[in-house]
């Protein structure tokens, strides 16, 4: 009966959009129909967003946000740490952190104001991570932040605060990985095996075990519930939804979400990883990585302020503002967006190091945002000696850029050249040489600076004399105008 209920409710959800009078043809749950999707201009213009990993895992604040998985992996560092600090897993399990997750200092308006100052245009909090604890008011599980822990609708409050700041609200779901996330606890005496908590820890299967219809329907219902309750304009999925058995569910969700957006009269973005969707049916996302060149279709990098974890941990190694600014410019020059993650503490405060990093990026964008927001790629993404690899999980392999590494963006008839370090010696942009039949340069300005810039276009490229007073740190952005 339960499987029938899930199937019946899913059918109702997918066949009953909130508004049947669509001006645009409704999407069908087929790749052919979904491939007609067009990435919205608001997203292509936005370029920079904030990701938020916050949940029960911020209480132990050790290792990473995968603490609930690792604490049940016998012999792991987290497993040993947990026993030493909290006791054996049959006496103190992951569930016992929930009452300690109080979020007593959580101020959504303060968060949203910080994100606006950081220059972000959209914000994506995690609605549910692999641990199975929902940060929103769900009717599908008692294990949520309204019933337990903070006893607040974290996602709902953030949605209001973020929109109040004029930013776009999105959210993410990592639910699918809960299938296997706690499976280590099945192999020894732990509370994962206590049937009283099976609705929280379960299924706790092996990754190779085939997904059940019941579990996939539950995933679909939780996803559509988030759409219906919070109307996110961006919905981000983590890896593992690419399981072959999930294909009809991916199609059904995408069709439902896109059709709801038509009813809302708001364009939406669906982010995916790996090969979960055809290229044109949604927007590709690379974790802690990037592409080597320009991609015709819009794409995104999700990266973190820390090298070790997505959620808050003590002793995190933070990235520099130089790193973030350089990566943003590099990614935007290749037609991508940067979704930068922060990890608040369990009490709801954002660590000072993270705040300062965001504010530093925001200060740079306040001066140089013209070269980022609303831009599109040029004929090439850039030039320079530093060669960085593409792909996922390469953030700790990125080489430092130099002032000779330049990234290009365009807006209307204007070209922007961004040096990935503040120049201390003459700049040479080889791509703008006169011998390559380039358009004639008639003007060069430094964004945020009123001083006259000395420049000349020659056979070997465009020469620019460095400024004595750069208006911002990290990188200089030059506005280049051509003869019409």
Protein backbone atom coordinates (compact mmCIF):
# COMPACT_ATOMS: atom_id res chain seq x y z
CA UNK A 1 0.00 0.00 0.00
CA UNK A 2 2.81 2.43 0.83
CA UNK A 3 4.39 1.99 -2.62
CA UNK A 4 1.00 2.54 -4.23
CA UNK A 5 0.48 5.68 -2.17
CA UNK A 6 3.82 7.12 -3.28
CA UNK A 7 3.07 6.28 -6.91
CA UNK A 8 -0.42 7.78 -6.71
CA UNK A 9 0.73 10.98 -5.01
CA UNK A 10 3.60 11.37 -7.46
CA UNK A 11 1.18 11.05 -10.36
CA UNK A 12 -1.03 13.75 -8.87
CA UNK A 13 1.93 16.08 -8.33
CA UNK A 14 3.21 15.70 -11.86
CA UNK A 15 -0.15 16.04 -13.57
CA UNK A 16 -1.50 19.01 -11.62
CA UNK A 17 0.52 22.20 -12.11
CA UNK A 18 -0.75 25.26 -10.29
CA UNK A 19 -1.73 27.11 -13.47
CA UNK A 20 -2.90 25.39 -16.64
CA UNK A 21 -3.09 28.54 -18.73
CA UNK A 22 0.53 28.60 -19.84
CA UNK A 23 1.50 30.90 -22.70
CA UNK A 24 4.38 28.52 -23.39
CA UNK A 25 3.98 24.86 -24.25
CA UNK A 26 4.28 22.69 -21.16
CA UNK A 27 7.30 20.46 -20.70
CA UNK A 28 6.91 16.71 -20.91
CA UNK A 29 9.04 14.21 -18.95
CA UNK A 30 11.14 13.31 -21.98
CA UNK A 31 14.65 14.34 -22.97
CA UNK A 32 13.34 15.68 -26.26
CA UNK A 33 10.95 18.05 -24.50
CA UNK A 34 13.33 19.00 -21.70
CA UNK A 35 16.11 19.81 -24.17
CA UNK A 36 14.03 22.79 -25.31
CA UNK A 37 14.91 24.45 -22.01
CA UNK A 38 16.76 27.79 -22.27
CA UNK A 39 19.02 29.02 -19.49
CA UNK A 40 17.55 32.33 -18.23
CA UNK A 41 19.30 35.63 -18.74
CA UNK A 42 19.11 36.53 -15.04
CA UNK A 43 21.38 33.59 -14.29
CA UNK A 44 23.80 34.29 -17.13
CA UNK A 45 24.01 37.91 -15.92
CA UNK A 46 24.36 37.08 -12.22
CA UNK A 47 27.75 35.30 -12.40
CA UNK A 48 28.24 35.01 -8.62
CA UNK A 49 26.23 33.20 -5.96
CA UNK A 50 26.58 31.98 -2.38
CA UNK A 51 26.17 28.33 -1.36
CA UNK A 52 25.47 27.48 2.33
CA UNK A 53 26.27 24.12 3.93
CA UNK A 54 24.76 24.25 7.40
CA UNK A 55 23.28 21.44 9.40
CA UNK A 56 23.68 19.04 12.32
CA UNK A 57 27.21 18.21 11.10
CA UNK A 58 28.29 21.70 12.19
CA UNK A 59 27.95 20.60 15.83
CA UNK A 60 30.91 18.20 15.96
CA UNK A 61 32.72 20.58 13.56
CA UNK A 62 35.36 17.97 12.82
CA UNK A 63 36.71 16.42 9.63
CA UNK A 64 34.07 17.57 7.18
CA UNK A 65 30.34 17.64 6.53
CA UNK A 66 30.71 13.89 5.95
CA UNK A 67 31.11 13.42 9.72
CA UNK A 68 27.85 11.41 9.97
CA UNK A 69 29.17 8.98 7.38
CA UNK A 70 32.71 8.74 8.68
CA UNK A 71 31.75 8.33 12.34
CA UNK A 72 30.31 4.93 11.42
CA UNK A 73 33.31 3.85 9.34
CA UNK A 74 35.28 1.64 11.71
CA UNK A 75 38.91 2.66 12.05
CA UNK A 76 38.56 6.06 10.38
CA UNK A 77 39.94 9.19 12.01
CA UNK A 78 36.43 10.52 12.60
CA UNK A 79 35.31 7.18 14.07
CA UNK A 80 38.17 7.31 16.61
CA UNK A 81 37.57 10.99 17.34
CA UNK A 82 33.88 10.37 17.97
CA UNK A 83 34.52 7.61 20.49
CA UNK A 84 37.20 9.66 22.26
CA UNK A 85 35.03 12.78 22.56
CA UNK A 86 31.43 11.52 22.70
CA UNK A 87 31.61 7.82 23.45
CA UNK A 88 30.73 4.66 21.48
CA UNK A 89 28.21 4.88 18.64
CA UNK A 90 25.70 2.64 20.40
CA UNK A 91 25.59 5.16 23.26
CA UNK A 92 25.97 8.43 21.36
CA UNK A 93 24.96 8.36 17.71
CA UNK A 94 24.55 11.08 15.10
CA UNK A 95 20.94 11.66 16.19
CA UNK A 96 22.25 12.82 19.58
CA UNK A 97 23.84 15.88 18.00
CA UNK A 98 20.41 17.19 16.97
CA UNK A 99 19.46 18.68 20.39
CA UNK A 100 22.88 20.40 20.38
CA UNK A 101 22.10 22.06 17.05
CA UNK A 102 20.31 25.11 18.49
CA UNK A 103 21.09 27.87 15.96
CA UNK A 104 20.50 30.32 18.79
CA UNK A 105 22.33 33.19 17.06
CA UNK A 106 20.94 32.60 13.56
CA UNK A 107 19.87 35.90 11.98
CA UNK A 108 18.72 35.39 8.37
CA UNK A 109 18.51 39.12 7.68
CA UNK A 110 22.09 39.59 8.81
CA UNK A 111 23.21 36.74 6.58
CA UNK A 112 21.36 38.08 3.56
CA UNK A 113 22.80 41.58 4.05
CA UNK A 114 26.30 40.07 4.11
CA UNK A 115 25.66 38.17 0.89
CA UNK A 116 24.50 41.35 -0.83
CA UNK A 117 27.63 43.17 0.34
CA UNK A 118 29.69 40.26 -1.01
CA UNK A 119 28.33 41.03 -4.47
CA UNK A 120 26.34 37.80 -4.79
CA UNK A 121 23.23 37.82 -6.94
CA UNK A 122 21.75 34.50 -5.84
CA UNK A 123 21.91 32.34 -2.70
CA UNK A 124 21.57 28.55 -2.42
CA UNK A 125 21.23 27.06 1.09
CA UNK A 126 21.29 23.28 1.50
CA UNK A 127 17.75 22.13 2.23
CA UNK A 128 18.76 18.58 3.07
CA UNK A 129 22.22 17.05 3.09
CA UNK A 130 23.22 13.37 2.95
CA UNK A 131 22.58 13.05 6.68
CA UNK A 132 18.81 13.08 6.14
CA UNK A 133 18.04 16.01 8.44
CA UNK A 134 15.76 18.47 6.64
CA UNK A 135 16.46 22.16 7.25
CA UNK A 136 12.89 23.03 6.34
CA UNK A 137 9.31 22.25 7.33
CA UNK A 138 8.63 18.94 5.63
CA UNK A 139 5.55 16.77 5.98
CA UNK A 140 7.49 13.71 4.86
CA UNK A 141 9.78 13.29 7.87
CA UNK A 142 9.71 14.23 11.54
CA UNK A 143 13.51 14.67 11.38
CA UNK A 144 13.53 18.33 10.46
CA UNK A 145 14.64 21.70 11.85
CA UNK A 146 11.09 22.77 12.74
CA UNK A 147 10.39 19.74 14.93
CA UNK A 148 13.88 19.36 16.37
CA UNK A 149 17.12 21.22 16.96
CA UNK A 150 16.62 24.90 16.05
CA UNK A 151 12.81 24.45 15.86
CA UNK A 152 12.76 26.98 13.03
CA UNK A 153 12.09 26.75 9.31
CA UNK A 154 15.63 27.64 8.28
CA UNK A 155 14.96 27.48 4.54
CA UNK A 156 11.73 29.43 4.82
CA UNK A 157 13.32 32.21 6.87
CA UNK A 158 16.27 32.45 4.50
CA UNK A 159 13.94 32.61 1.49
CA UNK A 160 12.22 35.69 2.95
CA UNK A 161 15.46 37.42 3.98
CA UNK A 162 17.27 36.74 0.70
CA UNK A 163 14.41 38.02 -1.43
CA UNK A 164 14.13 41.08 0.81
CA UNK A 165 17.69 41.96 -0.22
CA UNK A 166 16.74 41.72 -3.90
CA UNK A 167 18.69 38.50 -4.39
CA UNK A 168 17.47 35.34 -6.13
CA UNK A 169 16.59 32.47 -3.80
CA UNK A 170 17.59 28.91 -4.64
CA UNK A 171 18.16 25.72 -2.67
CA UNK A 172 19.88 22.35 -2.95
CA UNK A 173 19.00 18.73 -2.24
CA UNK A 174 21.56 16.04 -1.47
CA UNK A 175 18.91 13.57 -0.37
CA UNK A 176 19.63 10.79 -2.83
CA UNK A 177 22.98 9.88 -1.20
CA UNK A 178 21.19 9.15 2.08
CA UNK A 179 20.54 5.74 0.55
CA UNK A 180 24.01 4.62 1.62
CA UNK A 181 25.28 7.40 3.86
CA UNK A 182 24.98 5.69 7.25
CA UNK A 183 25.71 2.15 6.01
CA UNK A 184 28.89 1.76 8.07
CA UNK A 185 26.73 1.63 11.18
CA UNK A 186 25.17 -1.64 9.98
CA UNK A 187 28.48 -3.47 10.45
CA UNK A 188 28.90 -3.08 14.20
CA UNK A 189 26.94 -2.28 17.35
CA UNK A 190 25.65 1.23 16.67
CA UNK A 191 22.39 3.12 16.92
CA UNK A 192 21.97 2.81 13.14
CA UNK A 193 20.71 -0.71 13.84
CA UNK A 194 18.13 0.47 16.36
CA UNK A 195 14.72 0.20 14.67
CA UNK A 196 13.48 3.20 16.67
CA UNK A 197 15.61 5.39 14.40
CA UNK A 198 15.23 3.56 11.10
CA UNK A 199 13.19 6.43 9.65
CA UNK A 200 16.23 8.67 10.17
CA UNK A 201 19.24 6.46 9.51
CA UNK A 202 17.70 4.26 6.85
CA UNK A 203 17.97 2.85 4.32
CA UNK A 204 21.75 2.68 5.06
CA UNK A 205 22.25 0.30 2.15
CA UNK A 206 25.35 -0.52 0.17
CA UNK A 207 26.04 1.80 -2.75
CA UNK A 208 25.75 -1.19 -5.09
CA UNK A 209 22.29 -2.14 -3.83
CA UNK A 210 19.59 -1.22 -6.38
CA UNK A 211 17.46 1.75 -5.40
CA UNK A 212 13.92 0.81 -4.45
CA UNK A 213 10.84 2.35 -6.03
CA UNK A 214 9.75 3.51 -2.59
CA UNK A 215 13.00 5.39 -2.00
CA UNK A 216 13.02 7.03 -5.44
CA UNK A 217 9.41 8.11 -5.00
CA UNK A 218 10.31 9.55 -1.63
CA UNK A 219 13.14 11.51 -3.30
CA UNK A 220 10.73 12.84 -5.90
CA UNK A 221 8.14 13.84 -3.32
CA UNK A 222 10.70 15.65 -1.16
CA UNK A 223 12.01 17.50 -4.20
CA UNK A 224 8.57 18.58 -5.42
CA UNK A 225 7.60 19.56 -1.88
CA UNK A 226 10.55 21.98 -1.81
CA UNK A 227 9.43 23.45 -5.12
CA UNK A 228 5.86 23.90 -3.96
CA UNK A 229 6.67 25.36 -0.54
CA UNK A 230 9.51 27.75 -1.38
CA UNK A 231 9.35 28.48 -5.14
CA UNK A 232 13.15 28.43 -5.60
CA UNK A 233 14.44 29.95 -8.83
CA UNK A 234 17.42 27.64 -8.71
CA UNK A 235 17.37 23.98 -7.71
CA UNK A 236 20.76 22.31 -7.27
CA UNK A 237 21.27 18.56 -7.21
CA UNK A 238 24.37 16.78 -6.00
CA UNK A 239 25.94 13.77 -7.68
CA UNK A 240 24.44 10.25 -7.61
CA UNK A 241 21.08 11.19 -9.13
CA UNK A 242 22.70 9.90 -12.35
CA UNK A 243 21.90 6.31 -11.29
CA UNK A 244 20.21 4.63 -14.29
CA UNK A 245 17.13 3.73 -12.26
CA UNK A 246 16.64 7.44 -11.50
CA UNK A 247 16.23 8.49 -15.13
CA UNK A 248 12.40 8.63 -15.19
CA UNK A 249 12.44 10.44 -11.85
CA UNK A 250 14.92 13.02 -13.11
CA UNK A 251 12.73 13.61 -16.15
CA UNK A 252 9.58 13.86 -14.05
CA UNK A 253 11.10 16.32 -11.62
CA UNK A 254 12.58 18.55 -14.32
CA UNK A 255 9.28 18.68 -16.22
CA UNK A 256 7.38 19.48 -13.04
CA UNK A 257 9.83 22.19 -11.96
CA UNK A 258 9.96 23.85 -15.36
CA UNK A 259 6.18 23.79 -15.68
CA UNK A 260 5.80 25.32 -12.24
CA UNK A 261 8.17 28.09 -13.28
CA UNK A 262 5.87 28.85 -16.20
CA UNK A 263 2.99 29.13 -13.76
CA UNK A 264 5.06 31.46 -11.55
CA UNK A 265 6.18 33.50 -14.59
CA UNK A 266 9.74 33.20 -13.32
CA UNK A 267 12.64 31.60 -15.18
CA UNK A 268 14.45 28.91 -13.22
CA UNK A 269 17.74 27.01 -13.24
CA UNK A 270 18.27 23.33 -12.53
CA UNK A 271 21.90 22.46 -11.72
CA UNK A 272 23.25 18.94 -12.18
CA UNK A 273 26.57 17.11 -12.04
CA UNK A 274 28.21 14.50 -14.24
CA UNK A 275 25.82 13.05 -16.84
CA UNK A 276 22.53 13.35 -14.98
CA UNK A 277 20.93 15.47 -17.72
CA UNK A 278 21.57 16.12 -21.40
CA UNK A 279 23.62 19.29 -21.91
CA UNK A 280 20.74 21.48 -23.03
CA UNK A 281 18.13 20.19 -20.54
CA UNK A 282 19.68 21.80 -17.43
CA UNK A 283 22.84 23.63 -16.31
CA UNK A 284 26.07 21.73 -15.70
CA UNK A 285 27.89 22.17 -12.38
CA UNK A 286 31.48 21.17 -11.56
CA UNK A 287 32.49 20.63 -7.94
CA UNK A 288 35.68 22.42 -6.85
CA UNK A 289 36.71 22.69 -10.50
CA UNK A 290 36.30 24.45 -13.82
CA UNK A 291 36.60 24.08 -17.56
CA UNK A 292 39.72 24.66 -19.61
CA UNK A 293 37.97 26.75 -22.25
CA UNK A 294 34.76 28.49 -23.28
CA UNK A 295 31.60 26.38 -23.17
CA UNK A 296 28.81 27.64 -25.46
CA UNK A 297 26.20 26.68 -22.90
CA UNK A 298 26.10 28.28 -19.44
CA UNK A 299 27.74 26.29 -16.65
CA UNK A 300 28.75 26.68 -13.02
CA UNK A 301 31.50 25.90 -10.53
CA UNK A 302 30.57 25.20 -6.94
CA UNK A 303 33.62 25.90 -4.81
CA UNK A 304 34.14 26.39 -1.08
CA UNK A 305 35.88 29.05 0.99
CA UNK A 306 37.74 26.23 2.72
CA UNK A 307 39.96 23.50 1.34
CA UNK A 308 38.91 20.77 3.77
CA UNK A 309 35.15 20.90 4.24
CA UNK A 310 31.90 22.36 2.96
CA UNK A 311 30.44 22.63 6.45
CA UNK A 312 32.09 24.43 9.34
CA UNK A 313 35.00 22.65 11.00
CA UNK A 314 37.58 23.85 13.46
CA UNK A 315 41.04 24.32 11.98
CA UNK A 316 39.83 24.92 8.43
CA UNK A 317 42.34 26.19 5.87
CA UNK A 318 40.69 29.11 4.08
CA UNK A 319 41.26 30.30 0.56
CA UNK A 320 42.41 33.84 -0.11
CA UNK A 321 40.42 36.67 -1.68
CA UNK A 322 43.04 36.64 -4.46
CA UNK A 323 42.13 33.03 -5.21
CA UNK A 324 38.39 33.75 -5.31
CA UNK A 325 38.68 36.88 -7.48
CA UNK A 326 40.98 35.11 -9.93
CA UNK A 327 38.73 32.07 -10.14
CA UNK A 328 35.65 34.23 -10.62
CA UNK A 329 37.25 36.12 -13.51
CA UNK A 330 38.59 32.92 -15.06
CA UNK A 331 35.24 31.12 -14.82
CA UNK A 332 33.19 34.07 -16.11
CA UNK A 333 35.54 34.45 -19.10
CA UNK A 334 34.58 30.86 -20.04
CA UNK A 335 30.81 31.47 -19.81
CA UNK A 336 30.46 30.13 -16.28
CA UNK A 337 29.16 31.19 -12.87
CA UNK A 338 30.82 30.79 -9.48
CA UNK A 339 28.75 29.46 -6.58
CA UNK A 340 30.94 30.02 -3.51
CA UNK A 341 30.14 28.02 -0.39
CA UNK A 342 30.34 29.09 3.24
CA UNK A 343 29.89 26.97 6.38
CA UNK A 344 28.28 28.67 9.40
CA UNK A 345 28.84 27.48 12.96
CA UNK A 346 26.15 25.47 14.74
CA UNK A 347 25.00 28.55 16.67
CA UNK A 348 24.18 30.35 13.41
CA UNK A 349 27.16 32.69 13.25
CA UNK A 350 29.33 32.95 10.16
CA UNK A 351 33.03 32.74 11.11
CA UNK A 352 34.90 36.03 10.91
CA UNK A 353 37.43 34.63 8.39
CA UNK A 354 34.57 33.72 6.05
CA UNK A 355 32.89 37.09 6.47
CA UNK A 356 36.08 38.99 5.70
CA UNK A 357 36.69 36.87 2.61
CA UNK A 358 33.19 37.60 1.32
CA UNK A 359 33.50 41.31 2.04
CA UNK A 360 36.86 41.47 0.26
CA UNK A 361 35.34 39.89 -2.83
CA UNK A 362 32.40 42.27 -2.55
CA UNK A 363 34.71 45.27 -2.38
CA UNK A 364 36.46 44.14 -5.57
CA UNK A 365 33.14 43.62 -7.32
CA UNK A 366 31.88 47.04 -6.23
CA UNK A 367 34.73 48.52 -8.29
CA UNK A 368 35.05 45.99 -11.09
CA UNK A 369 31.60 44.43 -11.34
CA UNK A 370 31.03 46.04 -14.73
CA UNK A 371 33.56 43.55 -16.14
CA UNK A 372 31.74 40.60 -14.52
CA UNK A 373 27.97 41.10 -14.24
CA UNK A 374 25.96 40.88 -17.43
CA UNK A 375 28.99 40.02 -19.56
CA UNK A 376 29.51 37.31 -22.15
CA UNK A 377 32.65 35.54 -23.39
CA UNK A 378 34.88 37.09 -26.06
CA UNK A 379 36.29 35.10 -29.00
CA UNK A 380 38.93 33.71 -26.61
CA UNK A 381 38.76 33.47 -22.83
CA UNK A 382 42.20 34.90 -22.19
CA UNK A 383 45.94 34.71 -22.55
CA UNK A 384 49.01 34.29 -20.35
CA UNK A 385 51.70 31.86 -19.26
CA UNK A 386 49.90 30.03 -16.44
CA UNK A 387 48.31 26.78 -17.56
CA UNK A 388 45.70 25.32 -15.22
CA UNK A 389 43.95 22.01 -15.67
CA UNK A 390 40.20 21.57 -16.00
CA UNK A 391 37.83 19.14 -14.32
CA UNK A 392 36.35 18.62 -10.85
CA UNK A 393 38.14 18.55 -7.46
CA UNK A 394 41.13 20.59 -8.60
CA UNK A 395 40.87 23.61 -6.28
CA UNK A 396 43.99 22.53 -4.37
CA UNK A 397 45.88 22.12 -7.66
CA UNK A 398 45.22 25.60 -9.07
CA UNK A 399 48.43 27.47 -9.82
CA UNK A 400 48.87 31.11 -8.84
CA UNK A 401 48.20 33.49 -11.70
CA UNK A 402 50.40 36.45 -12.70
CA UNK A 403 49.74 39.92 -14.10
CA UNK A 404 50.46 38.47 -17.54
CA UNK A 405 47.46 36.17 -17.16
CA UNK A 406 44.55 38.10 -18.61
CA UNK A 407 40.88 37.16 -18.92
CA UNK A 408 38.42 38.74 -21.34
CA UNK A 409 34.71 39.47 -21.07
CA UNK A 410 32.42 41.53 -23.29
CA UNK A 411 29.30 43.63 -23.02
CA UNK A 412 27.80 45.20 -26.15
CA UNK A 413 30.74 46.74 -28.04
CA UNK A 414 33.01 46.90 -25.01
CA UNK A 415 35.83 44.49 -24.22
CA UNK A 416 37.09 44.04 -20.66
CA UNK A 417 40.58 42.76 -19.91
CA UNK A 418 41.12 41.57 -16.34
CA UNK A 419 44.69 41.03 -15.12
CA UNK A 420 44.71 38.22 -12.56
CA UNK A 421 47.07 40.16 -10.31
CA UNK A 422 47.60 43.87 -9.87
CA UNK A 423 50.18 44.90 -12.53
CA UNK A 424 53.47 46.32 -11.32
CA UNK A 425 55.05 46.55 -14.76
CA UNK A 426 53.83 47.32 -18.27
CA UNK A 427 50.94 45.19 -19.50
CA UNK A 428 51.04 43.61 -22.93
CA UNK A 429 47.83 42.15 -24.36
CA UNK A 430 49.07 40.14 -27.32
CA UNK A 431 45.58 39.27 -28.52
CA UNK A 432 45.03 42.95 -29.46
CA UNK A 433 48.00 43.30 -31.82
CA UNK A 434 47.51 45.32 -35.01
CA UNK A 435 49.10 42.64 -37.20
CA UNK A 436 46.25 40.19 -36.54
CA UNK A 437 43.64 42.45 -38.16
CA UNK A 438 42.13 43.33 -34.82
CA UNK A 439 39.82 46.29 -34.55
CA UNK A 440 41.51 49.57 -33.79
CA UNK A 441 41.53 50.46 -30.10
CA UNK A 442 40.38 54.03 -29.45
CA UNK A 443 40.15 54.08 -25.65
CA UNK A 444 41.38 52.31 -22.53
CA UNK A 445 40.03 53.01 -19.02
CA UNK A 446 40.77 51.42 -15.66
CA UNK A 447 37.48 50.62 -13.91
CA UNK A 448 37.02 52.63 -10.74
CA UNK A 449 39.79 55.08 -11.62
CA UNK A 450 39.55 58.61 -13.06
CA UNK A 451 43.22 58.96 -13.98
CA UNK A 452 44.25 58.93 -17.62
CA UNK A 453 45.64 55.58 -18.70
CA UNK A 454 48.66 55.58 -21.01
CA UNK A 455 48.38 52.97 -23.73
CA UNK A 456 49.34 52.21 -27.32
CA UNK A 457 48.33 49.54 -29.81
CA UNK A 458 51.25 48.08 -31.73
CA UNK A 459 52.11 45.12 -33.94
CA UNK A 460 52.88 42.96 -30.89
CA UNK A 461 49.77 43.91 -28.94
CA UNK A 462 48.12 46.50 -26.71
CA UNK A 463 50.57 48.13 -24.28
CA UNK A 464 49.19 49.59 -21.04
CA UNK A 465 51.21 51.49 -18.44
CA UNK A 466 50.37 50.33 -14.90
CA UNK A 467 48.49 52.65 -12.57
CA UNK A 468 50.08 54.27 -9.55
CA UNK A 469 46.83 54.00 -7.59
CA UNK A 470 44.69 50.95 -8.21
CA UNK A 471 41.13 51.41 -6.88
CA UNK A 472 40.90 47.81 -5.65
CA UNK A 473 43.10 44.90 -4.73
CA UNK A 474 43.73 41.53 -6.36
CA UNK A 475 43.03 42.24 -10.05
CA UNK A 476 42.70 45.19 -12.41
CA UNK A 477 39.89 45.45 -14.97
CA UNK A 478 40.38 47.58 -18.08
CA UNK A 479 37.57 48.83 -20.29
CA UNK A 480 38.66 48.76 -23.95
CA UNK A 481 36.76 50.60 -26.67
CA UNK A 482 37.16 50.10 -30.40
CA UNK A 483 36.69 52.23 -33.49
CA UNK A 484 33.24 51.62 -34.94
